[in-house]
Amino acid sequence: MGRLDGKVAIVTGAARGMGEATARAFVAEGARVLVADVLEEEGCALTAELGEAARFCRLDVSSEESWAAALAAAESALGPVNVLVNNAAINDFRSLLDYDKQSFQRVLDVNLLGTMLGLRYVGEAMVRRRSGAIVNIGSVDGTRGANGYSAYVTSKWAVRGLTRAAAMEFGPRGVRVNAVLPGGVYTAMGNPNGLSVEQINRGYTNVPLQRVGMPGEIAQASVFLASDQASYICGTELVVDGGWITGIYHPHFPGAPGDQGYGG
């Protein structure tokens, strides 16, 4: 038996990257999934591969009308929605001094407003049934600052606060709300220059696990939080970052592999 047997999920930004990996993992665990994204060609190809357990719906997460239509499509094709994964996100890598209002707002509209609207529309349906689980995808960049990521960092800090506020409101109504905070992940958004995993890993020497994360590893955190195994977890943040958030690993300091004073 799968951990998500009988559940119906909406996964946003599901046409590629972490969203695609999440949709695949959910189907593998027994869920039926609405693959929701603005990338129609990729989304349709994924649902064709996943078969009867998946449907595609075009979803602009910044649009209320689009959310209402996606929820209706999920309920019509798959049944009442038990799980929502607010995964859709964008980044706009530039200096704060180079942002204008429109470019900064666009990141907030997708990453923050999109999450809020998911909570509003899908969360309302779950609250009516007094059952459900919502997973908001945040980021370790929502726990600190990062140059060149001001809009993204702002949005992900806010997603953490929104997750906690929603948990306080929805928890008493039977709906759990949690967040997953990934570190660096090997996706198109995180790797716009198309570097290999080996090349990317050279930039992760200060991370305890010494490598970038893979989309499937993040997806498993969402599977857990969506499952009944997490039935008493609400309002928390599950960090999946290879240890990045704990501090800076110094490969030449005492305690590193090969250091003779610490057992080699």
C-alpha atoms as a PDB file:
ATOM      1  CA  MET A   1       0.000   0.000   0.000  1.00  0.00           C
ATOM      2  CA  GLY A   2       1.152   3.516  -0.755  1.00  0.00           C
ATOM      3  CA  ARG A   3       1.375   6.267   1.831  1.00  0.00           C
ATOM      4  CA  LEU A   4      -1.070   8.409  -0.153  1.00  0.00           C
ATOM      5  CA  ASP A   5      -3.584   5.758  -1.203  1.00  0.00           C
ATOM      6  CA  GLY A   6      -7.002   7.289  -1.828  1.00  0.00           C
ATOM      7  CA  LYS A   7      -5.810  10.889  -1.664  1.00  0.00           C
ATOM      8  CA  VAL A   8      -6.364  13.532  -4.328  1.00  0.00           C
ATOM      9  CA  ALA A   9      -3.699  16.207  -4.653  1.00  0.00           C
ATOM     10  CA  ILE A  10      -3.127  19.447  -6.511  1.00  0.00           C
ATOM     11  CA  VAL A  11       0.536  20.154  -7.157  1.00  0.00           C
ATOM     12  CA  THR A  12       1.365  23.584  -8.579  1.00  0.00           C
ATOM     13  CA  GLY A  13       4.346  24.218 -10.802  1.00  0.00           C
ATOM     14  CA  ALA A  14       4.182  20.491 -11.509  1.00  0.00           C
ATOM     15  CA  ALA A  15       5.293  20.413 -15.141  1.00  0.00           C
ATOM     16  CA  ARG A  16       8.995  20.240 -14.298  1.00  0.00           C
ATOM     17  CA  GLY A  17      11.568  20.389 -11.517  1.00  0.00           C
ATOM     18  CA  MET A  18      10.478  19.799  -7.935  1.00  0.00           C
ATOM     19  CA  GLY A  19       6.818  19.937  -8.894  1.00  0.00           C
ATOM     20  CA  GLU A  20       7.249  17.197 -11.480  1.00  0.00           C
ATOM     21  CA  ALA A  21       9.170  15.058  -8.993  1.00  0.00           C
ATOM     22  CA  THR A  22       6.415  15.625  -6.439  1.00  0.00           C
ATOM     23  CA  ALA A  23       3.677  14.624  -8.875  1.00  0.00           C
ATOM     24  CA  ARG A  24       5.607  11.466  -9.750  1.00  0.00           C
ATOM     25  CA  ALA A  25       6.201  10.603  -6.100  1.00  0.00           C
ATOM     26  CA  PHE A  26       2.565  11.184  -5.187  1.00  0.00           C
ATOM     27  CA  VAL A  27       1.301   8.925  -7.965  1.00  0.00           C
ATOM     28  CA  ALA A  28       3.839   6.267  -6.970  1.00  0.00           C
ATOM     29  CA  GLU A  29       2.437   6.424  -3.416  1.00  0.00           C
ATOM     30  CA  GLY A  30      -1.149   5.921  -4.593  1.00  0.00           C
ATOM     31  CA  ALA A  31      -2.485   9.466  -4.987  1.00  0.00           C
ATOM     32  CA  ARG A  32      -4.391  10.933  -7.898  1.00  0.00           C
ATOM     33  CA  VAL A  33      -2.813  14.225  -8.926  1.00  0.00           C
ATOM     34  CA  LEU A  34      -3.839  17.374 -10.734  1.00  0.00           C
ATOM     35  CA  VAL A  35      -0.683  18.571 -12.465  1.00  0.00           C
ATOM     36  CA  ALA A  36      -1.162  22.342 -12.398  1.00  0.00           C
ATOM     37  CA  ASP A  37       1.144  24.677 -14.305  1.00  0.00           C
ATOM     38  CA  VAL A  38       1.316  27.380 -16.973  1.00  0.00           C
ATOM     39  CA  LEU A  39       3.636  25.115 -18.999  1.00  0.00           C
ATOM     40  CA  GLU A  40       0.991  23.262 -20.968  1.00  0.00           C
ATOM     41  CA  GLU A  41       3.167  21.154 -23.273  1.00  0.00           C
ATOM     42  CA  GLU A  42       5.353  19.819 -20.470  1.00  0.00           C
ATOM     43  CA  GLY A  43       2.388  19.323 -18.148  1.00  0.00           C
ATOM     44  CA  CYS A  44       0.386  17.370 -20.704  1.00  0.00           C
ATOM     45  CA  ALA A  45       3.396  15.190 -21.504  1.00  0.00           C
ATOM     46  CA  LEU A  46       3.835  14.365 -17.825  1.00  0.00           C
ATOM     47  CA  THR A  47       0.191  13.441 -17.297  1.00  0.00           C
ATOM     48  CA  ALA A  48       0.256  11.266 -20.398  1.00  0.00           C
ATOM     49  CA  GLU A  49       3.174   9.402 -18.880  1.00  0.00           C
ATOM     50  CA  LEU A  50       1.565   9.101 -15.443  1.00  0.00           C
ATOM     51  CA  GLY A  51      -1.661   7.711 -16.883  1.00  0.00           C
ATOM     52  CA  GLU A  52      -5.128   7.657 -15.347  1.00  0.00           C
ATOM     53  CA  ALA A  53      -3.887   8.800 -11.943  1.00  0.00           C
ATOM     54  CA  ALA A  54      -3.054  12.279 -13.253  1.00  0.00           C
ATOM     55  CA  ARG A  55      -4.763  15.148 -15.049  1.00  0.00           C
ATOM     56  CA  PHE A  56      -3.345  18.403 -16.326  1.00  0.00           C
ATOM     57  CA  CYS A  57      -4.863  21.825 -15.740  1.00  0.00           C
ATOM     58  CA  ARG A  58      -3.389  25.148 -16.752  1.00  0.00           C
ATOM     59  CA  LEU A  59      -3.032  27.217 -13.607  1.00  0.00           C
ATOM     60  CA  ASP A  60      -1.757  30.756 -13.212  1.00  0.00           C
ATOM     61  CA  VAL A  61      -1.317  30.789  -9.450  1.00  0.00           C
ATOM     62  CA  SER A  62      -1.568  34.587  -9.302  1.00  0.00           C
ATOM     63  CA  SER A  63      -5.139  34.487 -10.691  1.00  0.00           C
ATOM     64  CA  GLU A  64      -8.196  33.887  -8.529  1.00  0.00           C
ATOM     65  CA  GLU A  65     -10.219  32.758 -11.539  1.00  0.00           C
ATOM     66  CA  SER A  66      -7.525  30.260 -12.468  1.00  0.00           C
ATOM     67  CA  TRP A  67      -7.500  28.796  -8.964  1.00  0.00           C
ATOM     68  CA  ALA A  68     -11.275  28.417  -8.919  1.00  0.00           C
ATOM     69  CA  ALA A  69     -11.143  26.631 -12.274  1.00  0.00           C
ATOM     70  CA  ALA A  70      -8.311  24.331 -11.162  1.00  0.00           C
ATOM     71  CA  LEU A  71     -10.146  23.292  -8.010  1.00  0.00           C
ATOM     72  CA  ALA A  72     -13.285  22.582 -10.003  1.00  0.00           C
ATOM     73  CA  ALA A  73     -11.287  20.563 -12.544  1.00  0.00           C
ATOM     74  CA  ALA A  74      -9.651  18.493  -9.811  1.00  0.00           C
ATOM     75  CA  GLU A  75     -12.930  17.757  -8.057  1.00  0.00           C
ATOM     76  CA  SER A  76     -14.670  16.859 -11.321  1.00  0.00           C
ATOM     77  CA  ALA A  77     -11.960  14.560 -12.681  1.00  0.00           C
ATOM     78  CA  LEU A  78     -10.392  13.128  -9.543  1.00  0.00           C
ATOM     79  CA  GLY A  79     -12.646  13.760  -6.543  1.00  0.00           C
ATOM     80  CA  PRO A  80     -12.479  15.899  -3.386  1.00  0.00           C
ATOM     81  CA  VAL A  81      -9.013  17.345  -2.877  1.00  0.00           C
ATOM     82  CA  ASN A  82      -7.183  16.077   0.221  1.00  0.00           C
ATOM     83  CA  VAL A  83      -3.726  17.558  -0.445  1.00  0.00           C
ATOM     84  CA  LEU A  84      -2.333  20.778  -1.858  1.00  0.00           C
ATOM     85  CA  VAL A  85       1.341  21.360  -2.577  1.00  0.00           C
ATOM     86  CA  ASN A  86       2.021  25.044  -3.230  1.00  0.00           C
ATOM     87  CA  ASN A  87       5.207  24.532  -5.207  1.00  0.00           C
ATOM     88  CA  ALA A  88       5.044  27.050  -8.078  1.00  0.00           C
ATOM     89  CA  ALA A  89       7.764  29.698  -7.838  1.00  0.00           C
ATOM     90  CA  ILE A  90       9.970  31.948  -9.920  1.00  0.00           C
ATOM     91  CA  ASN A  91      13.164  33.883  -9.335  1.00  0.00           C
ATOM     92  CA  ASP A  92      14.514  37.069 -10.861  1.00  0.00           C
ATOM     93  CA  PHE A  93      18.224  37.165 -10.138  1.00  0.00           C
ATOM     94  CA  ARG A  94      19.400  40.768 -10.051  1.00  0.00           C
ATOM     95  CA  SER A  95      20.693  43.447  -7.719  1.00  0.00           C
ATOM     96  CA  LEU A  96      18.129  45.177  -5.546  1.00  0.00           C
ATOM     97  CA  LEU A  97      19.214  48.444  -7.176  1.00  0.00           C
ATOM     98  CA  ASP A  98      18.209  47.035 -10.568  1.00  0.00           C
ATOM     99  CA  TYR A  99      14.657  46.068  -9.616  1.00  0.00           C
ATOM    100  CA  ASP A 100      11.657  48.103 -10.645  1.00  0.00           C
ATOM    101  CA  LYS A 101       8.241  47.778  -9.055  1.00  0.00           C
ATOM    102  CA  GLN A 102       6.857  45.497 -11.743  1.00  0.00           C
ATOM    103  CA  SER A 103       9.702  42.963 -11.719  1.00  0.00           C
ATOM    104  CA  PHE A 104       9.751  42.763  -7.912  1.00  0.00           C
ATOM    105  CA  GLN A 105       5.971  42.443  -7.758  1.00  0.00           C
ATOM    106  CA  ARG A 106       5.959  39.638 -10.335  1.00  0.00           C
ATOM    107  CA  VAL A 107       8.031  37.425  -8.029  1.00  0.00           C
ATOM    108  CA  LEU A 108       5.738  38.193  -5.105  1.00  0.00           C
ATOM    109  CA  ASP A 109       2.647  37.519  -7.215  1.00  0.00           C
ATOM    110  CA  VAL A 110       3.770  33.986  -8.038  1.00  0.00           C
ATOM    111  CA  ASN A 111       5.636  32.949  -4.912  1.00  0.00           C
ATOM    112  CA  LEU A 112       3.568  34.631  -2.198  1.00  0.00           C
ATOM    113  CA  LEU A 113       0.199  35.625  -3.623  1.00  0.00           C
ATOM    114  CA  GLY A 114       0.024  32.297  -5.448  1.00  0.00           C
ATOM    115  CA  THR A 115       0.512  30.457  -2.165  1.00  0.00           C
ATOM    116  CA  MET A 116      -2.100  32.601  -0.426  1.00  0.00           C
ATOM    117  CA  LEU A 117      -4.661  31.980  -3.163  1.00  0.00           C
ATOM    118  CA  GLY A 118      -4.045  28.240  -2.959  1.00  0.00           C
ATOM    119  CA  LEU A 119      -4.677  28.394   0.762  1.00  0.00           C
ATOM    120  CA  ARG A 120      -7.753  30.519   0.166  1.00  0.00           C
ATOM    121  CA  TYR A 121      -9.462  28.415  -2.496  1.00  0.00           C
ATOM    122  CA  VAL A 122      -8.311  24.854  -1.857  1.00  0.00           C
ATOM    123  CA  GLY A 123      -8.018  25.437   1.876  1.00  0.00           C
ATOM    124  CA  GLU A 124     -11.635  26.576   2.021  1.00  0.00           C
ATOM    125  CA  ALA A 125     -12.796  23.336   0.419  1.00  0.00           C
ATOM    126  CA  MET A 126     -10.723  21.320   2.900  1.00  0.00           C
ATOM    127  CA  VAL A 127     -12.018  23.331   5.849  1.00  0.00           C
ATOM    128  CA  ARG A 128     -15.608  22.604   4.783  1.00  0.00           C
ATOM    129  CA  ARG A 129     -14.803  18.888   4.937  1.00  0.00           C
ATOM    130  CA  ARG A 130     -12.653  19.352   8.056  1.00  0.00           C
ATOM    131  CA  SER A 131      -9.856  17.284   6.520  1.00  0.00           C
ATOM    132  CA  GLY A 132      -6.738  17.853   4.457  1.00  0.00           C
ATOM    133  CA  ALA A 133      -3.032  18.612   4.323  1.00  0.00           C
ATOM    134  CA  ILE A 134      -1.305  21.579   2.710  1.00  0.00           C
ATOM    135  CA  VAL A 135       2.418  21.762   2.016  1.00  0.00           C
ATOM    136  CA  ASN A 136       3.914  25.128   1.137  1.00  0.00           C
ATOM    137  CA  ILE A 137       7.313  25.008  -0.530  1.00  0.00           C
ATOM    138  CA  GLY A 138       9.506  27.657   1.042  1.00  0.00           C
ATOM    139  CA  SER A 139      13.292  27.846   0.943  1.00  0.00           C
ATOM    140  CA  VAL A 140      16.276  28.111   3.240  1.00  0.00           C
ATOM    141  CA  ASP A 141      16.620  31.537   1.607  1.00  0.00           C
ATOM    142  CA  GLY A 142      13.520  32.389   3.606  1.00  0.00           C
ATOM    143  CA  THR A 143      15.616  32.128   6.779  1.00  0.00           C
ATOM    144  CA  ARG A 144      18.443  34.493   5.795  1.00  0.00           C
ATOM    145  CA  GLY A 145      19.527  37.048   3.227  1.00  0.00           C
ATOM    146  CA  ALA A 146      21.089  36.378  -0.171  1.00  0.00           C
ATOM    147  CA  ASN A 147      22.512  38.971  -2.504  1.00  0.00           C
ATOM    148  CA  GLY A 148      20.858  39.001  -5.909  1.00  0.00           C
ATOM    149  CA  TYR A 149      17.767  37.265  -4.500  1.00  0.00           C
ATOM    150  CA  SER A 150      15.959  40.105  -2.751  1.00  0.00           C
ATOM    151  CA  ALA A 151      12.519  39.462  -4.266  1.00  0.00           C
ATOM    152  CA  TYR A 152      12.825  35.696  -3.882  1.00  0.00           C
ATOM    153  CA  VAL A 153      14.094  35.967  -0.301  1.00  0.00           C
ATOM    154  CA  THR A 154      11.275  38.363   0.583  1.00  0.00           C
ATOM    155  CA  SER A 155       8.659  36.016  -0.849  1.00  0.00           C
ATOM    156  CA  LYS A 156      10.027  32.952   0.918  1.00  0.00           C
ATOM    157  CA  TRP A 157      10.301  34.688   4.297  1.00  0.00           C
ATOM    158  CA  ALA A 158       6.651  35.630   3.852  1.00  0.00           C
ATOM    159  CA  VAL A 159       5.648  32.078   2.906  1.00  0.00           C
ATOM    160  CA  ARG A 160       6.976  30.919   6.264  1.00  0.00           C
ATOM    161  CA  GLY A 161       4.809  33.452   8.095  1.00  0.00           C
ATOM    162  CA  LEU A 162       1.802  32.627   5.956  1.00  0.00           C
ATOM    163  CA  THR A 163       2.265  28.928   6.697  1.00  0.00           C
ATOM    164  CA  ARG A 164       2.182  29.532  10.423  1.00  0.00           C
ATOM    165  CA  ALA A 165      -0.830  31.843  10.247  1.00  0.00           C
ATOM    166  CA  ALA A 166      -2.722  29.339   8.098  1.00  0.00           C
ATOM    167  CA  ALA A 167      -1.826  26.503  10.482  1.00  0.00           C
ATOM    168  CA  MET A 168      -3.346  28.487  13.348  1.00  0.00           C
ATOM    169  CA  GLU A 169      -6.565  29.081  11.401  1.00  0.00           C
ATOM    170  CA  PHE A 170      -6.939  25.737   9.645  1.00  0.00           C
ATOM    171  CA  GLY A 171      -5.619  23.377  12.322  1.00  0.00           C
ATOM    172  CA  PRO A 172      -8.689  23.632  14.541  1.00  0.00           C
ATOM    173  CA  ARG A 173     -10.751  22.839  11.441  1.00  0.00           C
ATOM    174  CA  GLY A 174      -8.935  19.590  10.711  1.00  0.00           C
ATOM    175  CA  VAL A 175      -6.519  20.837   8.041  1.00  0.00           C
ATOM    176  CA  ARG A 176      -2.778  20.593   8.597  1.00  0.00           C
ATOM    177  CA  VAL A 177      -0.509  23.243   7.048  1.00  0.00           C
ATOM    178  CA  ASN A 178       3.267  22.809   6.938  1.00  0.00           C
ATOM    179  CA  ALA A 179       6.238  24.001   4.922  1.00  0.00           C
ATOM    180  CA  VAL A 180       9.207  22.344   3.264  1.00  0.00           C
ATOM    181  CA  LEU A 181      12.357  24.461   3.060  1.00  0.00           C
ATOM    182  CA  PRO A 182      14.696  23.134   0.365  1.00  0.00           C
ATOM    183  CA  GLY A 183      18.278  24.209  -0.022  1.00  0.00           C
ATOM    184  CA  GLY A 184      19.956  24.186  -3.409  1.00  0.00           C
ATOM    185  CA  VAL A 185      18.159  21.833  -5.790  1.00  0.00           C
ATOM    186  CA  TYR A 186      19.212  20.654  -9.230  1.00  0.00           C
ATOM    187  CA  THR A 187      16.373  22.090 -11.335  1.00  0.00           C
ATOM    188  CA  ALA A 188      16.063  24.373 -14.339  1.00  0.00           C
ATOM    189  CA  MET A 189      15.295  27.329 -12.066  1.00  0.00           C
ATOM    190  CA  GLY A 190      18.258  26.592  -9.807  1.00  0.00           C
ATOM    191  CA  ASN A 191      20.584  25.864 -12.707  1.00  0.00           C
ATOM    192  CA  PRO A 192      19.817  28.344 -15.510  1.00  0.00           C
ATOM    193  CA  ASN A 193      23.230  27.832 -17.111  1.00  0.00           C
ATOM    194  CA  GLY A 194      22.737  24.097 -17.592  1.00  0.00           C
ATOM    195  CA  LEU A 195      25.719  22.952 -15.543  1.00  0.00           C
ATOM    196  CA  SER A 196      26.221  19.282 -14.753  1.00  0.00           C
ATOM    197  CA  VAL A 197      25.654  17.937 -11.254  1.00  0.00           C
ATOM    198  CA  GLU A 198      29.397  17.561 -10.848  1.00  0.00           C
ATOM    199  CA  GLN A 199      29.964  21.189 -11.797  1.00  0.00           C
ATOM    200  CA  ILE A 200      27.216  22.386  -9.469  1.00  0.00           C
ATOM    201  CA  ASN A 201      28.614  20.336  -6.586  1.00  0.00           C
ATOM    202  CA  ARG A 202      31.871  22.286  -6.694  1.00  0.00           C
ATOM    203  CA  GLY A 203      29.919  25.186  -5.252  1.00  0.00           C
ATOM    204  CA  TYR A 204      28.660  23.106  -2.328  1.00  0.00           C
ATOM    205  CA  THR A 205      31.883  22.473  -0.435  1.00  0.00           C
ATOM    206  CA  ASN A 206      30.566  24.553   2.488  1.00  0.00           C
ATOM    207  CA  VAL A 207      27.457  22.348   2.808  1.00  0.00           C
ATOM    208  CA  PRO A 208      27.858  19.341   5.157  1.00  0.00           C
ATOM    209  CA  LEU A 209      26.598  16.813   2.599  1.00  0.00           C
ATOM    210  CA  GLN A 210      28.860  18.370  -0.042  1.00  0.00           C
ATOM    211  CA  ARG A 211      26.340  18.318  -2.886  1.00  0.00           C
ATOM    212  CA  VAL A 212      23.238  19.830  -4.398  1.00  0.00           C
ATOM    213  CA  GLY A 213      19.867  18.271  -3.648  1.00  0.00           C
ATOM    214  CA  MET A 214      17.849  16.374  -6.225  1.00  0.00           C
ATOM    215  CA  PRO A 215      14.153  17.093  -6.892  1.00  0.00           C
ATOM    216  CA  GLY A 216      13.074  13.630  -5.791  1.00  0.00           C
ATOM    217  CA  GLU A 217      14.642  14.150  -2.380  1.00  0.00           C
ATOM    218  CA  ILE A 218      12.545  17.254  -1.804  1.00  0.00           C
ATOM    219  CA  ALA A 219       9.457  15.463  -3.083  1.00  0.00           C
ATOM    220  CA  GLN A 220       9.766  12.803  -0.387  1.00  0.00           C
ATOM    221  CA  ALA A 221       9.447  15.478   2.291  1.00  0.00           C
ATOM    222  CA  SER A 222       6.149  16.573   0.742  1.00  0.00           C
ATOM    223  CA  VAL A 223       4.978  12.952   0.562  1.00  0.00           C
ATOM    224  CA  PHE A 224       5.629  12.569   4.277  1.00  0.00           C
ATOM    225  CA  LEU A 225       3.880  15.784   5.312  1.00  0.00           C
ATOM    226  CA  ALA A 226       0.896  14.971   3.086  1.00  0.00           C
ATOM    227  CA  SER A 227       0.576  11.453   4.470  1.00  0.00           C
ATOM    228  CA  ASP A 228      -1.151  10.196   7.596  1.00  0.00           C
ATOM    229  CA  GLN A 229       2.300   9.488   9.018  1.00  0.00           C
ATOM    230  CA  ALA A 230       2.441  13.242   9.713  1.00  0.00           C
ATOM    231  CA  SER A 231      -1.014  13.342  11.306  1.00  0.00           C
ATOM    232  CA  TYR A 232       0.189  15.302  14.375  1.00  0.00           C
ATOM    233  CA  ILE A 233       2.457  17.717  12.523  1.00  0.00           C
ATOM    234  CA  CYS A 234       1.056  21.183  11.866  1.00  0.00           C
ATOM    235  CA  GLY A 235       2.661  24.601  11.476  1.00  0.00           C
ATOM    236  CA  THR A 236       6.181  23.263  11.205  1.00  0.00           C
ATOM    237  CA  GLU A 237       9.032  23.678   8.713  1.00  0.00           C
ATOM    238  CA  LEU A 238      10.868  20.637   7.377  1.00  0.00           C
ATOM    239  CA  VAL A 239      14.306  21.715   6.173  1.00  0.00           C
ATOM    240  CA  VAL A 240      15.732  19.579   3.344  1.00  0.00           C
ATOM    241  CA  ASP A 241      19.048  21.201   2.489  1.00  0.00           C
ATOM    242  CA  GLY A 242      21.937  18.819   3.109  1.00  0.00           C
ATOM    243  CA  GLY A 243      22.735  20.635   6.353  1.00  0.00           C
ATOM    244  CA  TRP A 244      23.204  24.056   4.735  1.00  0.00           C
ATOM    245  CA  ILE A 245      21.063  25.883   7.298  1.00  0.00           C
ATOM    246  CA  THR A 246      23.119  24.620  10.221  1.00  0.00           C
ATOM    247  CA  GLY A 247      26.138  26.732   9.343  1.00  0.00           C
ATOM    248  CA  ILE A 248      29.168  26.922   7.079  1.00  0.00           C
ATOM    249  CA  TYR A 249      31.208  23.749   6.767  1.00  0.00           C
ATOM    250  CA  HIS A 250      34.964  24.405   6.546  1.00  0.00           C
ATOM    251  CA  PRO A 251      36.599  21.436   4.786  1.00  0.00           C
ATOM    252  CA  HIS A 252      40.086  22.308   6.110  1.00  0.00           C
ATOM    253  CA  PHE A 253      39.124  22.868   9.764  1.00  0.00           C
ATOM    254  CA  PRO A 254      39.346  20.296  12.595  1.00  0.00           C
ATOM    255  CA  GLY A 255      36.693  17.629  12.337  1.00  0.00           C
ATOM    256  CA  ALA A 256      36.795  17.374   8.565  1.00  0.00           C
ATOM    257  CA  PRO A 257      37.493  13.987   6.943  1.00  0.00           C
ATOM    258  CA  GLY A 258      41.223  13.347   7.025  1.00  0.00           C
ATOM    259  CA  ASP A 259      41.887  15.516  10.081  1.00  0.00           C
ATOM    260  CA  GLN A 260      44.216  13.390  12.202  1.00  0.00           C
ATOM    261  CA  GLY A 261      43.151  14.957  15.458  1.00  0.00           C
ATOM    262  CA  TYR A 262      39.593  13.696  14.980  1.00  0.00           C
ATOM    263  CA  GLY A 263      40.183  10.129  13.980  1.00  0.00           C
ATOM    264  CA  GLY A 264      40.797  10.660  10.243  1.00  0.00           C
END
